[in-house]
Amino acid sequence: MSETQLQVIILAAGKGTRMYSSKPKVLHELAGKPLVQHVVDCARALNAESISLVYGHGGEEVKKTLSDETLIWCEQKEQLGTGHAVQQAMDSISDSANVLILYGDVPLLSKDTLEQLLQAKGEQSIALLTANLENPVGYGRIVRNSENNETAESQLDWPIERIVEEKDASGLIKQIKEINSGVMVVNGDKLKQWLAKIDNNNAQGEYYLTDLIELAVKEGERVNSYIVFDNKEIEGINNKIQLADLEREYQKRQAIQLMTQGVTLKDPQRFDLRGELEVGQDVIIDINVIIEGQCKIGNNTQIGANTILKNVIIGDNVEILENCILEKSQVGNKCCIGPFARLRPETQLEEKVKVGNFVEIKKSHIEKASKVNHLSYIGDTEMGENVNIGAGTITCNYDGAYKHVTKIGDNAFIGSNTALVAPIEIGHGATIGAGSTLNKNAKEEKLTFSRAPQKMINGWKRPTKNKT
C-alpha cells in the first residue's frame, strides 16, 4: 500500500426515506452497531490520517452516536448529489493525500479490499472499486475504452473511459455487467480540481461524483480499478429488507470464522455475534445464542440454547444451560449456571459455583463451590466458600434509598425461604432455619432462626360460596 498520507471521506447525509424511520439511515444497526460505525472502524483500521464525515439528515443524532470518535464534521445542508457531498469536506483535504471516499450505509467493506484498491491506484491520480454483477440494474455502468488495447489480456484491463448512471444509460450500455461501487481513491489536488468542474446536467439534476472519471480521462489520466472479489462487500442498505439480508450475511461470516477456529455451532444460521468473541478450544454453542460486546469463553465450555452473553468472561469447563442471561460478569472454571438464571453486572463467581434455575445474582462475589440452586435473589453480597443457599432465599439489599451489603461466611447453610435484611453478616459455619427473616447478624457455627409459633385453631372452617 502506498505510503502517501491517507484521508477518508465518509458520505452519511442521506435521509433513508425507504427505511420508513425517524432515525437517520446510517444509525440503523447491523450486528448491534450503527452502519456508519462499521465504516468508521474500517477507516481506522487503514490508519487514516483523518476521517471527514459528511452529515445531513439527523445530524445531531449522528454526532451524539459517534461522540467518542475523532472526526471532522462536514454538514451537507442541501442534498444535491454525491459530488456536492464530497465538496463539503474539501477544506480539510491535503493536496498531497490519497483521498478515499466511502459510504456510511455500506457496512461490509473490508480493510483488505480497500488496501487492494489503494495498491491498484499506484502512481495514478484515481482508482475505482468495481464489481461484476449478474443483475446490475440500478448501478452505474463502467464503460471501458477498447481502442489500442489489443495486447490486454482481458477487457477488464482496458482503461476506464466513463461511468454512466442507470437513468442516463442507453440499452446497449445497460447490458454491461461491470458496475461502479461508488468507492474511489483520488489524489487530493486532482479531486479539488475536478469537483470544481462537474455540473448537474443529468436526469437527476445532481452533481455526480462519478463525473470525475470522464474529466480525468479528458485530461489524459488513466483510471485504474480493482474488482472486488466478494460482491456483498459493496452492497448498500436502503430498506429493512436489505438490512436484514446483510445482517445474516455478516453473521454467516462470523460463524464461519468461529468454526474455522474450532468452535462447534449447533446451527450457524441461528447464531448472533454482536461484538467480539475470544474463544478457547472445544467450545460448544447451541442455537439462538446472542453474544454482545467484548466476551471471552474458555476451553471445554458449553453455552445452552437461547442464552444471551453481554461483556462476560467465562472460564474453562463451564456449563451454561438453556435460557440464561449473563451481563458484565465473570464466571470461574467448572461453574454450572441455569437453566433460566440471570447474572447481572459486577457478579463474580469463583470456580465450581452452582447457580440454578430462576436465580438472579447482582453485584456479588461468590467463592469456590458455593451453591444457589433455586428461585433466589442474591444482590450486593459477599459469599464465602461451600455456602448452601436454600430455595426462595433473598438478600434484602435495598431500603428504599440505599443499597446495603450482605456478608455470608464459609460453610454457611441458609434454609429455604429466608430473607436476609442487609446490612447483615452471617458467620462462618452458621445455619439459618428455613422461613426466617433476619435483620441481625448470625453467629458462627450456631443455628439461628425466626418463626412465629405454629398454631392450630379448633372449630375453624374454610369459607364456602353460597350455592343459591
Protein backbone atom coordinates (compact mmCIF):
# COMPACT_ATOMS: atom_id res chain seq x y z
CA MET A 1 0.00 0.00 0.00
CA SER A 2 1.25 3.50 -0.81
CA GLU A 3 2.97 5.42 1.97
CA THR A 4 1.21 8.60 0.87
CA GLN A 5 -0.93 10.18 3.58
CA LEU A 6 -4.44 8.71 3.58
CA GLN A 7 -7.51 10.81 4.29
CA VAL A 8 -11.02 9.35 4.31
CA ILE A 9 -14.35 10.99 3.49
CA ILE A 10 -17.49 9.14 4.58
CA LEU A 11 -20.75 10.22 2.96
CA ALA A 12 -23.55 9.85 5.50
CA ALA A 13 -26.00 12.66 4.81
CA GLY A 14 -28.88 10.71 3.27
CA LYS A 15 -32.26 10.60 4.95
CA GLY A 16 -33.01 6.99 4.06
CA THR A 17 -36.67 7.53 3.15
CA ARG A 18 -37.19 3.86 2.27
CA MET A 19 -36.27 2.82 5.82
CA TYR A 20 -39.59 4.37 6.97
CA SER A 21 -37.98 5.51 10.19
CA SER A 22 -37.33 8.76 12.04
CA LYS A 23 -33.80 7.51 12.71
CA PRO A 24 -31.07 8.51 10.21
CA LYS A 25 -30.34 5.57 7.93
CA VAL A 26 -26.68 5.30 8.90
CA LEU A 27 -27.66 4.81 12.57
CA HIS A 28 -29.68 1.68 11.94
CA GLU A 29 -27.76 -1.22 13.43
CA LEU A 30 -26.08 -4.24 11.94
CA ALA A 31 -24.77 -6.77 14.48
CA GLY A 32 -25.62 -4.33 17.26
CA LYS A 33 -23.53 -1.49 15.82
CA PRO A 34 -24.63 1.51 13.70
CA LEU A 35 -23.96 1.08 9.99
CA VAL A 36 -21.73 4.14 9.92
CA GLN A 37 -19.69 2.83 12.87
CA HIS A 38 -18.71 -0.20 10.78
CA VAL A 39 -17.40 2.19 8.11
CA VAL A 40 -15.55 4.38 10.63
CA ASP A 41 -13.95 1.28 12.16
CA CYS A 42 -12.77 0.15 8.72
CA ALA A 43 -11.23 3.57 8.07
CA ARG A 44 -9.49 3.42 11.45
CA ALA A 45 -8.07 0.00 10.53
CA LEU A 46 -6.42 1.63 7.50
CA ASN A 47 -4.62 4.10 9.81
CA ALA A 48 -6.21 7.07 8.08
CA GLU A 49 -4.68 10.42 8.95
CA SER A 50 -8.14 11.95 9.17
CA ILE A 51 -11.76 10.93 8.72
CA SER A 52 -14.26 13.51 7.47
CA LEU A 53 -17.92 12.61 7.90
CA VAL A 54 -20.44 14.40 5.72
CA TYR A 55 -23.76 14.54 7.56
CA GLY A 56 -27.19 15.96 6.85
CA HIS A 57 -30.49 14.46 8.00
CA GLY A 58 -30.48 13.81 11.75
CA GLY A 59 -27.02 15.30 12.07
CA GLU A 60 -27.19 15.96 15.80
CA GLU A 61 -28.22 12.37 16.45
CA VAL A 62 -25.36 11.11 14.29
CA LYS A 63 -22.91 13.35 16.17
CA LYS A 64 -24.19 12.12 19.51
CA THR A 65 -23.88 8.48 18.49
CA LEU A 66 -20.30 8.97 17.28
CA SER A 67 -19.30 11.36 20.05
CA ASP A 68 -16.37 9.14 21.11
CA GLU A 69 -14.84 9.28 17.63
CA THR A 70 -12.35 11.90 16.45
CA LEU A 71 -13.97 13.03 13.21
CA ILE A 72 -14.08 16.12 11.03
CA TRP A 73 -17.76 17.01 10.77
CA CYS A 74 -18.95 18.44 7.45
CA GLU A 75 -22.59 19.42 7.02
CA GLN A 76 -24.39 18.99 3.69
CA LYS A 77 -27.37 21.30 4.13
CA GLU A 78 -28.87 20.50 0.72
CA GLN A 79 -28.90 17.04 -0.83
CA LEU A 80 -27.51 17.87 -4.27
CA GLY A 81 -25.70 14.62 -5.07
CA THR A 82 -22.54 12.75 -4.17
CA GLY A 83 -20.24 15.27 -5.85
CA HIS A 84 -21.79 18.08 -3.83
CA ALA A 85 -21.45 16.00 -0.67
CA VAL A 86 -17.71 15.47 -1.18
CA GLN A 87 -17.26 19.19 -1.80
CA GLN A 88 -18.37 19.85 1.78
CA ALA A 89 -15.23 18.11 3.06
CA MET A 90 -12.65 19.81 0.85
CA ASP A 91 -11.44 22.35 3.45
CA SER A 92 -9.74 19.57 5.42
CA ILE A 93 -8.20 17.72 2.47
CA SER A 94 -4.49 17.95 1.69
CA ASP A 95 -3.37 18.28 -1.93
CA SER A 96 -0.79 15.54 -1.49
CA ALA A 97 -3.07 12.98 0.19
CA ASN A 98 -4.76 9.90 -1.16
CA VAL A 99 -8.44 10.62 -0.53
CA LEU A 100 -10.60 7.53 -0.03
CA ILE A 101 -14.34 8.08 -0.43
CA LEU A 102 -16.63 5.68 1.46
CA TYR A 103 -20.35 5.47 2.24
CA GLY A 104 -21.99 5.31 5.65
CA ASP A 105 -24.55 2.71 4.57
CA VAL A 106 -22.05 0.16 3.15
CA PRO A 107 -21.03 -1.77 6.26
CA LEU A 108 -19.32 -4.93 4.95
CA LEU A 109 -16.46 -3.34 3.04
CA SER A 110 -13.22 -4.84 4.33
CA LYS A 111 -9.81 -3.42 5.12
CA ASP A 112 -8.18 -5.96 2.78
CA THR A 113 -10.30 -4.88 -0.20
CA LEU A 114 -9.53 -1.20 0.39
CA GLU A 115 -5.82 -1.95 0.67
CA GLN A 116 -6.05 -3.69 -2.71
CA LEU A 117 -7.76 -0.62 -4.16
CA LEU A 118 -5.04 1.67 -2.84
CA GLN A 119 -2.41 -0.63 -4.29
CA ALA A 120 -4.22 -0.72 -7.65
CA LYS A 121 -4.16 3.08 -7.78
CA GLY A 122 -0.39 3.05 -7.75
CA GLU A 123 1.04 6.27 -9.14
CA GLN A 124 -2.14 7.21 -10.99
CA SER A 125 -4.41 10.03 -9.86
CA ILE A 126 -7.57 7.97 -9.41
CA ALA A 127 -8.80 4.42 -8.98
CA LEU A 128 -12.25 2.88 -8.67
CA LEU A 129 -13.61 -0.11 -6.82
CA THR A 130 -15.80 -2.01 -9.30
CA ALA A 131 -17.71 -5.30 -9.34
CA ASN A 132 -19.24 -7.69 -11.83
CA LEU A 133 -22.93 -8.37 -11.20
CA GLU A 134 -25.22 -10.82 -12.96
CA ASN A 135 -28.05 -8.36 -12.36
CA PRO A 136 -26.56 -4.85 -12.50
CA VAL A 137 -29.90 -2.99 -12.57
CA GLY A 138 -29.75 0.28 -10.65
CA TYR A 139 -25.97 0.66 -10.74
CA GLY A 140 -23.80 2.96 -12.80
CA ARG A 141 -22.05 1.01 -15.58
CA ILE A 142 -18.30 1.02 -16.19
CA VAL A 143 -17.52 1.91 -19.81
CA ARG A 144 -14.00 0.92 -20.88
CA ASN A 145 -12.02 2.04 -23.94
CA SER A 146 -11.02 -0.81 -26.25
CA GLU A 147 -9.00 1.32 -28.70
CA ASN A 148 -5.30 0.50 -28.99
CA ASN A 149 -5.60 -2.15 -26.26
CA GLU A 150 -5.29 -5.31 -28.37
CA THR A 151 -2.47 -6.60 -26.14
CA ALA A 152 -4.57 -6.51 -22.98
CA GLU A 153 -5.24 -9.97 -21.54
CA SER A 154 -8.93 -9.18 -20.94
CA GLN A 155 -11.46 -6.39 -21.29
CA LEU A 156 -11.02 -5.69 -17.58
CA ASP A 157 -7.52 -4.42 -18.40
CA TRP A 158 -8.89 -1.80 -20.77
CA PRO A 159 -8.75 1.69 -19.28
CA ILE A 160 -11.96 3.09 -17.83
CA GLU A 161 -13.46 5.77 -20.04
CA ARG A 162 -16.52 6.88 -18.04
CA ILE A 163 -19.35 5.81 -15.75
CA VAL A 164 -22.92 6.01 -16.97
CA GLU A 165 -25.69 6.07 -14.38
CA GLU A 166 -28.66 3.75 -14.87
CA LYS A 167 -31.14 6.56 -15.61
CA ASP A 168 -28.81 8.04 -18.23
CA ALA A 169 -27.79 4.73 -19.85
CA SER A 170 -28.75 3.53 -23.32
CA GLY A 171 -29.98 0.00 -23.91
CA LEU A 172 -26.51 -1.10 -25.06
CA ILE A 173 -24.76 0.31 -22.01
CA LYS A 174 -27.31 -1.31 -19.71
CA GLN A 175 -26.02 -4.68 -20.95
CA ILE A 176 -22.66 -4.01 -19.28
CA LYS A 177 -22.29 -6.05 -16.09
CA GLU A 178 -19.33 -4.25 -14.54
CA ILE A 179 -20.63 -1.64 -12.15
CA ASN A 180 -19.33 1.22 -10.08
CA SER A 181 -19.38 0.62 -6.32
CA GLY A 182 -19.06 4.35 -5.62
CA VAL A 183 -15.87 3.79 -3.66
CA MET A 184 -12.83 5.53 -5.11
CA VAL A 185 -9.44 6.90 -4.16
CA VAL A 186 -8.24 10.17 -5.68
CA ASN A 187 -5.24 12.47 -5.32
CA GLY A 188 -6.26 15.42 -3.14
CA ASP A 189 -5.23 18.11 -5.62
CA LYS A 190 -6.94 16.41 -8.55
CA LEU A 191 -10.09 15.84 -6.53
CA LYS A 192 -10.38 19.55 -5.82
CA GLN A 193 -9.78 20.48 -9.46
CA TRP A 194 -12.31 18.02 -10.87
CA LEU A 195 -15.02 18.72 -8.31
CA ALA A 196 -14.95 22.36 -9.36
CA LYS A 197 -15.74 21.34 -12.94
CA ILE A 198 -18.66 18.94 -12.54
CA ASP A 199 -22.20 20.08 -13.33
CA ASN A 200 -25.73 18.80 -12.76
CA ASN A 201 -26.69 18.35 -16.40
CA ASN A 202 -28.24 14.89 -15.98
CA ALA A 203 -31.59 13.18 -15.45
CA GLN A 204 -31.49 13.72 -11.68
CA GLY A 205 -30.23 17.29 -11.74
CA GLU A 206 -27.50 16.31 -9.27
CA TYR A 207 -23.74 16.68 -9.08
CA TYR A 208 -22.44 13.17 -9.68
CA LEU A 209 -19.13 12.20 -8.14
CA THR A 210 -18.78 9.72 -10.99
CA ASP A 211 -18.33 12.59 -13.46
CA LEU A 212 -14.77 12.82 -12.14
CA ILE A 213 -13.90 9.81 -14.30
CA GLU A 214 -14.73 11.47 -17.59
CA LEU A 215 -12.92 14.64 -16.52
CA ALA A 216 -9.82 12.61 -15.64
CA VAL A 217 -9.89 10.82 -19.00
CA LYS A 218 -10.19 14.14 -20.86
CA GLU A 219 -7.00 15.28 -19.13
CA GLY A 220 -5.21 12.15 -20.28
CA GLU A 221 -5.27 10.43 -16.89
CA ARG A 222 -5.51 6.65 -16.71
CA VAL A 223 -8.28 5.47 -14.40
CA ASN A 224 -7.23 2.28 -12.63
CA SER A 225 -9.58 -0.12 -10.88
CA TYR A 226 -9.79 -3.04 -8.52
CA ILE A 227 -12.62 -5.53 -8.95
CA VAL A 228 -13.97 -6.59 -5.59
CA PHE A 229 -13.86 -10.36 -5.04
CA ASP A 230 -16.96 -10.52 -2.81
CA ASN A 231 -19.89 -8.50 -4.12
CA LYS A 232 -21.57 -8.44 -0.70
CA GLU A 233 -18.86 -6.04 0.42
CA ILE A 234 -20.17 -3.23 -1.72
CA GLU A 235 -23.87 -3.63 -1.05
CA GLY A 236 -25.54 -0.56 0.40
CA ILE A 237 -28.62 -0.54 2.60
CA ASN A 238 -31.71 1.37 1.55
CA ASN A 239 -34.52 -0.55 3.27
CA LYS A 240 -35.19 -3.00 6.08
CA ILE A 241 -35.10 -5.97 3.70
CA GLN A 242 -31.53 -5.17 2.66
CA LEU A 243 -30.62 -4.53 6.29
CA ALA A 244 -31.87 -7.98 7.30
CA ASP A 245 -30.09 -9.59 4.36
CA LEU A 246 -26.72 -8.08 5.25
CA GLU A 247 -27.25 -8.88 8.94
CA ARG A 248 -27.49 -12.58 8.08
CA GLU A 249 -24.54 -12.30 5.72
CA TYR A 250 -22.46 -10.66 8.44
CA GLN A 251 -23.46 -13.32 10.98
CA LYS A 252 -22.70 -16.08 8.48
CA ARG A 253 -19.18 -14.74 8.06
CA GLN A 254 -18.61 -14.55 11.79
CA ALA A 255 -19.95 -18.07 12.29
CA ILE A 256 -17.60 -19.41 9.61
CA GLN A 257 -14.65 -17.66 11.25
CA LEU A 258 -15.50 -19.13 14.66
CA MET A 259 -15.99 -22.63 13.28
CA THR A 260 -12.66 -22.30 11.48
CA GLN A 261 -11.14 -21.64 14.91
CA GLY A 262 -12.69 -24.86 16.21
CA VAL A 263 -15.95 -23.66 17.79
CA THR A 264 -18.91 -26.04 17.45
CA LEU A 265 -22.05 -24.14 16.47
CA LYS A 266 -25.11 -26.38 16.60
CA ASP A 267 -26.72 -24.29 13.85
CA PRO A 268 -24.65 -21.44 12.33
CA GLN A 269 -27.81 -19.85 10.92
CA ARG A 270 -29.19 -19.39 14.44
CA PHE A 271 -26.24 -17.59 16.00
CA ASP A 272 -25.61 -13.87 16.51
CA LEU A 273 -22.33 -12.22 17.43
CA ARG A 274 -22.85 -8.50 18.04
CA GLY A 275 -19.39 -7.64 19.24
CA GLU A 276 -16.12 -9.52 19.66
CA LEU A 277 -15.58 -13.03 20.99
CA GLU A 278 -12.35 -14.68 22.13
CA VAL A 279 -12.70 -18.45 22.46
CA GLY A 280 -10.64 -21.40 23.67
CA GLN A 281 -10.72 -24.96 22.38
CA ASP A 282 -13.71 -27.31 22.25
CA VAL A 283 -16.35 -24.64 22.86
CA ILE A 284 -19.90 -25.71 22.03
CA ILE A 285 -22.62 -23.12 21.37
CA ASP A 286 -26.23 -24.19 20.95
CA ILE A 287 -28.92 -22.45 18.89
CA ASN A 288 -30.20 -18.88 19.30
CA VAL A 289 -27.28 -17.71 21.41
CA ILE A 290 -26.66 -13.94 21.26
CA ILE A 291 -23.20 -12.61 22.17
CA GLU A 292 -22.76 -8.86 22.61
CA GLY A 293 -19.87 -6.55 23.49
CA GLN A 294 -16.50 -7.99 24.47
CA CYS A 295 -16.76 -11.63 25.54
CA LYS A 296 -14.28 -14.38 26.33
CA ILE A 297 -15.08 -18.09 26.63
CA GLY A 298 -12.53 -20.61 27.92
CA ASN A 299 -11.77 -24.20 26.94
CA ASN A 300 -14.35 -27.02 27.02
CA THR A 301 -17.22 -24.69 27.83
CA GLN A 302 -20.79 -25.23 26.65
CA ILE A 303 -23.37 -22.49 26.10
CA GLY A 304 -27.01 -23.61 26.11
CA ALA A 305 -29.73 -22.57 23.70
CA ASN A 306 -31.42 -19.15 23.90
CA THR A 307 -28.68 -17.70 26.11
CA ILE A 308 -27.52 -14.07 25.99
CA LEU A 309 -23.95 -13.11 26.89
CA LYS A 310 -23.00 -9.43 27.25
CA ASN A 311 -19.44 -8.39 28.12
CA VAL A 312 -18.63 -11.51 30.10
CA ILE A 313 -15.54 -13.59 30.87
CA ILE A 314 -16.26 -17.30 31.19
CA GLY A 315 -13.65 -19.79 32.35
CA ASP A 316 -12.82 -23.38 31.37
CA ASN A 317 -15.16 -26.36 31.69
CA VAL A 318 -18.18 -24.16 32.39
CA GLU A 319 -21.70 -25.34 31.63
CA ILE A 320 -24.30 -22.67 30.95
CA LEU A 321 -27.68 -24.29 30.48
CA GLU A 322 -30.59 -23.01 28.42
CA ASN A 323 -32.26 -19.60 28.65
CA CYS A 324 -29.69 -17.71 30.75
CA ILE A 325 -28.68 -14.04 30.66
CA LEU A 326 -25.17 -13.04 31.75
CA GLU A 327 -24.07 -9.39 31.68
CA LYS A 328 -20.78 -7.78 32.75
CA SER A 329 -19.92 -10.79 34.88
CA GLN A 330 -17.04 -13.20 35.43
CA VAL A 331 -17.57 -16.94 35.71
CA GLY A 332 -14.81 -19.15 37.08
CA ASN A 333 -13.73 -22.60 35.94
CA LYS A 334 -16.12 -25.56 36.32
CA CYS A 335 -19.16 -23.46 37.22
CA CYS A 336 -22.66 -24.55 36.29
CA ILE A 337 -25.33 -21.96 35.57
CA GLY A 338 -29.01 -22.28 34.76
CA PRO A 339 -31.34 -23.03 33.26
CA PHE A 340 -33.21 -19.71 33.42
CA ALA A 341 -30.55 -17.95 35.51
CA ARG A 342 -29.53 -14.30 35.35
CA LEU A 343 -26.17 -12.79 36.26
CA ARG A 344 -26.37 -9.01 36.40
CA PRO A 345 -23.39 -6.61 36.23
CA GLU A 346 -20.48 -6.90 38.68
CA THR A 347 -21.15 -10.54 39.51
CA GLN A 348 -18.06 -12.68 40.03
CA LEU A 349 -18.23 -16.44 40.52
CA GLU A 350 -15.15 -18.39 41.56
CA GLU A 351 -14.64 -21.98 40.45
CA LYS A 352 -17.23 -24.75 40.91
CA VAL A 353 -20.05 -22.38 41.84
CA LYS A 354 -23.55 -23.60 41.06
CA VAL A 355 -26.27 -21.11 40.10
CA GLY A 356 -29.54 -22.89 39.45
CA ASN A 357 -32.87 -22.24 37.80
CA PHE A 358 -34.66 -18.93 38.31
CA VAL A 359 -31.78 -17.43 40.30
CA GLU A 360 -30.77 -13.79 39.90
CA ILE A 361 -27.41 -12.53 41.14
CA LYS A 362 -26.37 -8.89 41.09
CA LYS A 363 -23.09 -7.19 42.11
CA SER A 364 -21.97 -10.14 44.22
CA HIS A 365 -18.80 -12.15 44.74
CA ILE A 366 -19.34 -15.86 45.36
CA GLU A 367 -16.40 -18.00 46.41
CA LYS A 368 -15.47 -21.56 45.42
CA ALA A 369 -18.05 -24.38 45.42
CA SER A 370 -20.95 -22.37 46.82
CA LYS A 371 -24.47 -23.16 45.60
CA VAL A 372 -27.52 -21.03 44.89
CA ASN A 373 -29.72 -23.67 43.38
CA HIS A 374 -33.31 -22.45 43.13
CA LEU A 375 -35.58 -19.41 42.95
CA SER A 376 -33.33 -16.96 44.80
CA TYR A 377 -32.14 -13.37 44.59
CA ILE A 378 -28.60 -12.54 45.73
CA GLY A 379 -27.67 -8.86 45.49
CA ASP A 380 -24.74 -6.84 46.89
CA THR A 381 -23.41 -9.93 48.61
CA GLU A 382 -20.00 -11.25 49.64
CA MET A 383 -20.35 -15.02 49.91
CA GLY A 384 -17.65 -17.40 51.09
CA GLU A 385 -16.78 -20.96 50.08
CA ASN A 386 -19.04 -24.03 50.27
CA VAL A 387 -22.12 -21.99 51.15
CA ASN A 388 -25.54 -23.54 50.50
CA ILE A 389 -28.38 -21.13 49.73
CA GLY A 390 -31.83 -22.72 50.04
CA ALA A 391 -34.66 -22.21 47.60
CA GLY A 392 -36.52 -18.93 47.84
CA THR A 393 -33.77 -17.07 49.71
CA ILE A 394 -33.40 -13.35 49.09
CA THR A 395 -30.95 -10.74 50.26
CA CYS A 396 -32.95 -7.61 51.04
CA ASN A 397 -30.30 -5.17 49.89
CA TYR A 398 -32.40 -2.04 49.24
CA ASP A 399 -34.07 0.03 51.95
CA GLY A 400 -35.84 2.37 49.55
CA ALA A 401 -32.96 4.84 49.42
CA TYR A 402 -29.65 2.97 49.68
CA LYS A 403 -28.15 -0.42 48.83
CA HIS A 404 -26.57 -2.45 51.65
CA VAL A 405 -24.18 -5.40 51.74
CA THR A 406 -24.81 -8.94 52.95
CA LYS A 407 -21.79 -11.00 54.07
CA ILE A 408 -22.03 -14.78 54.31
CA GLY A 409 -19.11 -16.75 55.74
CA ASP A 410 -17.62 -20.06 54.55
CA ASN A 411 -19.69 -23.24 55.01
CA ALA A 412 -22.85 -21.37 55.99
CA PHE A 413 -26.20 -23.05 55.33
CA ILE A 414 -29.16 -20.81 54.57
CA GLY A 415 -32.52 -22.56 54.83
CA SER A 416 -35.23 -22.19 52.24
CA ASN A 417 -37.48 -19.13 52.08
CA THR A 418 -35.11 -16.97 54.13
CA ALA A 419 -34.91 -13.18 53.94
CA LEU A 420 -31.60 -11.58 54.95
CA VAL A 421 -32.17 -7.87 55.61
CA ALA A 422 -28.94 -6.02 54.85
CA PRO A 423 -26.66 -4.81 56.21
CA ILE A 424 -26.15 -8.19 57.83
CA GLU A 425 -23.39 -10.72 58.37
CA ILE A 426 -23.83 -14.49 58.55
CA GLY A 427 -20.91 -16.09 60.36
CA HIS A 428 -18.67 -18.95 59.27
CA GLY A 429 -20.50 -22.28 59.50
CA ALA A 430 -23.76 -20.67 60.63
CA THR A 431 -27.09 -22.39 59.92
CA ILE A 432 -30.21 -20.35 59.26
CA GLY A 433 -33.51 -22.10 59.74
CA ALA A 434 -35.99 -22.21 56.88
CA GLY A 435 -38.57 -19.46 56.72
CA SER A 436 -36.51 -16.98 58.75
CA THR A 437 -36.37 -13.22 58.35
CA LEU A 438 -33.13 -11.90 59.87
CA ASN A 439 -32.13 -8.30 60.43
CA LYS A 440 -29.32 -9.02 62.92
CA ASN A 441 -26.01 -10.83 62.47
CA ALA A 442 -25.94 -14.61 62.87
CA LYS A 443 -23.04 -16.07 64.88
CA GLU A 444 -20.53 -18.61 63.64
CA GLU A 445 -21.40 -22.31 63.95
CA LYS A 446 -24.80 -21.52 65.51
CA LEU A 447 -28.36 -22.25 64.45
CA THR A 448 -30.34 -19.04 64.02
CA PHE A 449 -33.98 -18.77 63.04
CA SER A 450 -37.02 -16.59 63.49
CA ARG A 451 -40.50 -18.11 63.31
CA ALA A 452 -43.89 -17.43 64.77
CA PRO A 453 -45.14 -20.37 66.86
CA GLN A 454 -47.25 -22.81 64.87
CA LYS A 455 -50.89 -22.83 65.99
CA MET A 456 -53.98 -24.97 65.39
CA ILE A 457 -57.40 -23.38 65.77
CA ASN A 458 -60.17 -25.76 66.73
CA GLY A 459 -63.58 -25.30 65.13
CA TRP A 460 -62.32 -23.20 62.20
CA LYS A 461 -63.92 -23.85 58.82
CA ARG A 462 -62.89 -22.66 55.37
CA PRO A 463 -65.36 -20.17 53.84
CA THR A 464 -67.64 -21.54 51.14
CA LYS A 465 -69.72 -19.93 48.42
CA ASN A 466 -73.46 -19.65 48.82
CA LYS A 467 -74.97 -22.11 46.32
CA THR A 468 -78.28 -20.25 45.96
